[in-house]
Every structure is written in structure tokens, then in C-alpha cells.
């Protein structure tokens, strides 16, 4: 399994580039730090990946005084990867995801 991790600095072009390059290199899991996002659960996506945000919604300011997630995980579609987001303590800075039981 190939995993990629990058800080895209809230930049839409950097975020899209990360997704495109990772897809062309057959990366299975992408962990994006400081993803591009805006209120209304809008973020960069890719048709080859499932998008996993750290919170269910970021429409309203949370108790952490933020409206945007600061991490995002992407899981490659169509290769049999089983994933489960773990949001026991939802927070825009943390995202635990179980991938194939790990």
C-alpha cells in the first residue's frame, strides 16, 4: 500500500496537484495537511478517491473556534481498500482512519 502525506497550505492549485500526481502514481492513501476548504463542506476532490473529512460538517463554528478542517484523508477507489473513519472525538486537526484493519 502506497501512502502520501503533504501540506498543501490551503492552496487550491496545490491541493488539486497533490490529488492528480498521487493518482497518476497509484497512491492508495493521501493525507493532506492544511487542505483547501471552505464552509459548506467544500473541498478539493478527485473522482479516483473517496474523501474523508475529520468532522461531519464545518458549516458552523465549532467549540474549537474554526470552520475549516485542517486535515483530510483520501482513499483510492476500486482497489479493494476497506476504511473506517474514527471520529470518537471529532476535531478539525485530527483524523484517525482504520485502513484494511490497521
Protein backbone atom coordinates (compact mmCIF):
# COMPACT_ATOMS: atom_id res chain seq x y z
CA UNK A 1 0.00 0.00 0.00
CA UNK A 2 1.40 3.38 -1.01
CA UNK A 3 0.75 6.37 1.29
CA UNK A 4 1.43 10.04 0.56
CA UNK A 5 1.43 12.92 3.05
CA UNK A 6 1.70 16.61 2.12
CA UNK A 7 0.94 20.08 3.43
CA UNK A 8 -0.86 21.99 0.65
CA UNK A 9 -1.01 25.30 2.53
CA UNK A 10 -4.75 25.91 1.88
CA UNK A 11 -3.93 26.43 -1.80
CA UNK A 12 -6.49 25.09 -4.32
CA UNK A 13 -3.86 24.59 -7.08
CA UNK A 14 -1.51 22.75 -4.68
CA UNK A 15 -4.35 20.59 -3.37
CA UNK A 16 -5.51 19.60 -6.87
CA UNK A 17 -1.90 18.96 -7.93
CA UNK A 18 -1.41 16.64 -4.94
CA UNK A 19 -4.52 14.66 -5.89
CA UNK A 20 -3.59 14.45 -9.58
CA UNK A 21 0.04 13.46 -9.02
CA UNK A 22 -0.90 10.92 -6.36
CA UNK A 23 -3.49 9.39 -8.68
CA UNK A 24 -1.01 9.18 -11.57
CA UNK A 25 1.49 7.46 -9.23
CA UNK A 26 -1.15 4.98 -7.95
CA UNK A 27 -1.02 6.26 -4.36
CA UNK A 28 -3.59 4.43 -2.22
CA UNK A 29 -3.90 6.78 0.76
CA UNK A 30 -3.39 10.56 0.72
CA UNK A 31 -3.10 12.53 3.95
CA UNK A 32 -3.42 16.25 3.23
CA UNK A 33 -2.47 18.83 5.84
CA UNK A 34 -4.00 22.32 5.61
CA UNK A 35 -6.31 21.27 2.75
CA UNK A 36 -8.15 23.82 0.67
CA UNK A 37 -11.65 24.05 2.10
CA UNK A 38 -14.43 26.50 2.76
CA UNK A 39 -17.67 26.50 4.70
CA UNK A 40 -20.42 24.25 3.43
CA UNK A 41 -18.20 21.13 3.37
CA UNK A 42 -16.49 22.22 0.14
CA UNK A 43 -13.00 20.91 -0.54
CA UNK A 44 -10.93 19.62 -3.42
CA UNK A 45 -11.96 16.16 -4.55
CA UNK A 46 -10.86 13.65 -7.17
CA UNK A 47 -13.02 11.05 -8.95
CA UNK A 48 -10.44 8.36 -8.14
CA UNK A 49 -10.61 8.87 -4.38
CA UNK A 50 -13.11 8.80 -1.53
CA UNK A 51 -12.78 11.97 0.55
CA UNK A 52 -12.72 11.58 4.34
CA UNK A 53 -13.03 14.82 6.37
CA UNK A 54 -12.23 14.93 10.12
CA UNK A 55 -15.70 16.26 11.04
CA UNK A 56 -19.15 15.59 9.63
CA UNK A 57 -19.81 19.27 8.88
CA UNK A 58 -17.94 22.53 9.17
CA UNK A 59 -20.83 24.88 8.37
CA UNK A 60 -20.96 26.32 11.88
CA UNK A 61 -18.04 27.37 14.06
CA UNK A 62 -17.26 24.62 16.50
CA UNK A 63 -16.02 24.75 20.06
CA UNK A 64 -12.51 24.79 18.57
CA UNK A 65 -13.35 28.19 17.01
CA UNK A 66 -12.75 27.05 13.47
CA UNK A 67 -14.94 26.50 10.44
CA UNK A 68 -12.44 24.54 8.39
CA UNK A 69 -10.83 21.14 8.75
CA UNK A 70 -7.06 21.26 8.83
CA UNK A 71 -6.55 17.67 7.68
CA UNK A 72 -8.17 15.50 5.01
CA UNK A 73 -7.70 11.87 4.01
CA UNK A 74 -8.32 10.37 0.58
CA UNK A 75 -8.65 6.64 -0.14
CA UNK A 76 -8.21 5.27 -3.65
CA UNK A 77 -11.39 3.83 -5.17
CA UNK A 78 -11.64 0.48 -6.91
CA UNK A 79 -8.64 -1.28 -5.37
CA UNK A 80 -10.40 -3.07 -2.51
CA UNK A 81 -9.26 -0.83 0.34
CA UNK A 82 -11.58 -1.02 3.34
CA UNK A 83 -11.55 2.09 5.51
CA UNK A 84 -13.37 3.37 8.56
CA UNK A 85 -13.07 6.97 9.79
CA UNK A 86 -12.83 7.12 13.58
CA UNK A 87 -14.45 10.26 14.91
CA UNK A 88 -14.78 9.40 18.59
CA UNK A 89 -13.60 12.92 19.35
CA UNK A 90 -14.27 14.98 16.20
CA UNK A 91 -11.72 17.75 15.81
CA UNK A 92 -10.62 19.70 12.70
CA UNK A 93 -6.96 18.87 13.41
CA UNK A 94 -7.27 15.10 13.90
CA UNK A 95 -8.46 12.27 11.71
CA UNK A 96 -7.94 8.63 12.61
CA UNK A 97 -8.80 6.20 9.83
CA UNK A 98 -8.61 2.44 10.01
CA UNK A 99 -7.42 1.07 6.64
CA UNK A 100 -7.68 -2.67 5.99
CA UNK A 101 -7.82 -3.24 9.74
CA UNK A 102 -4.74 -1.16 10.54
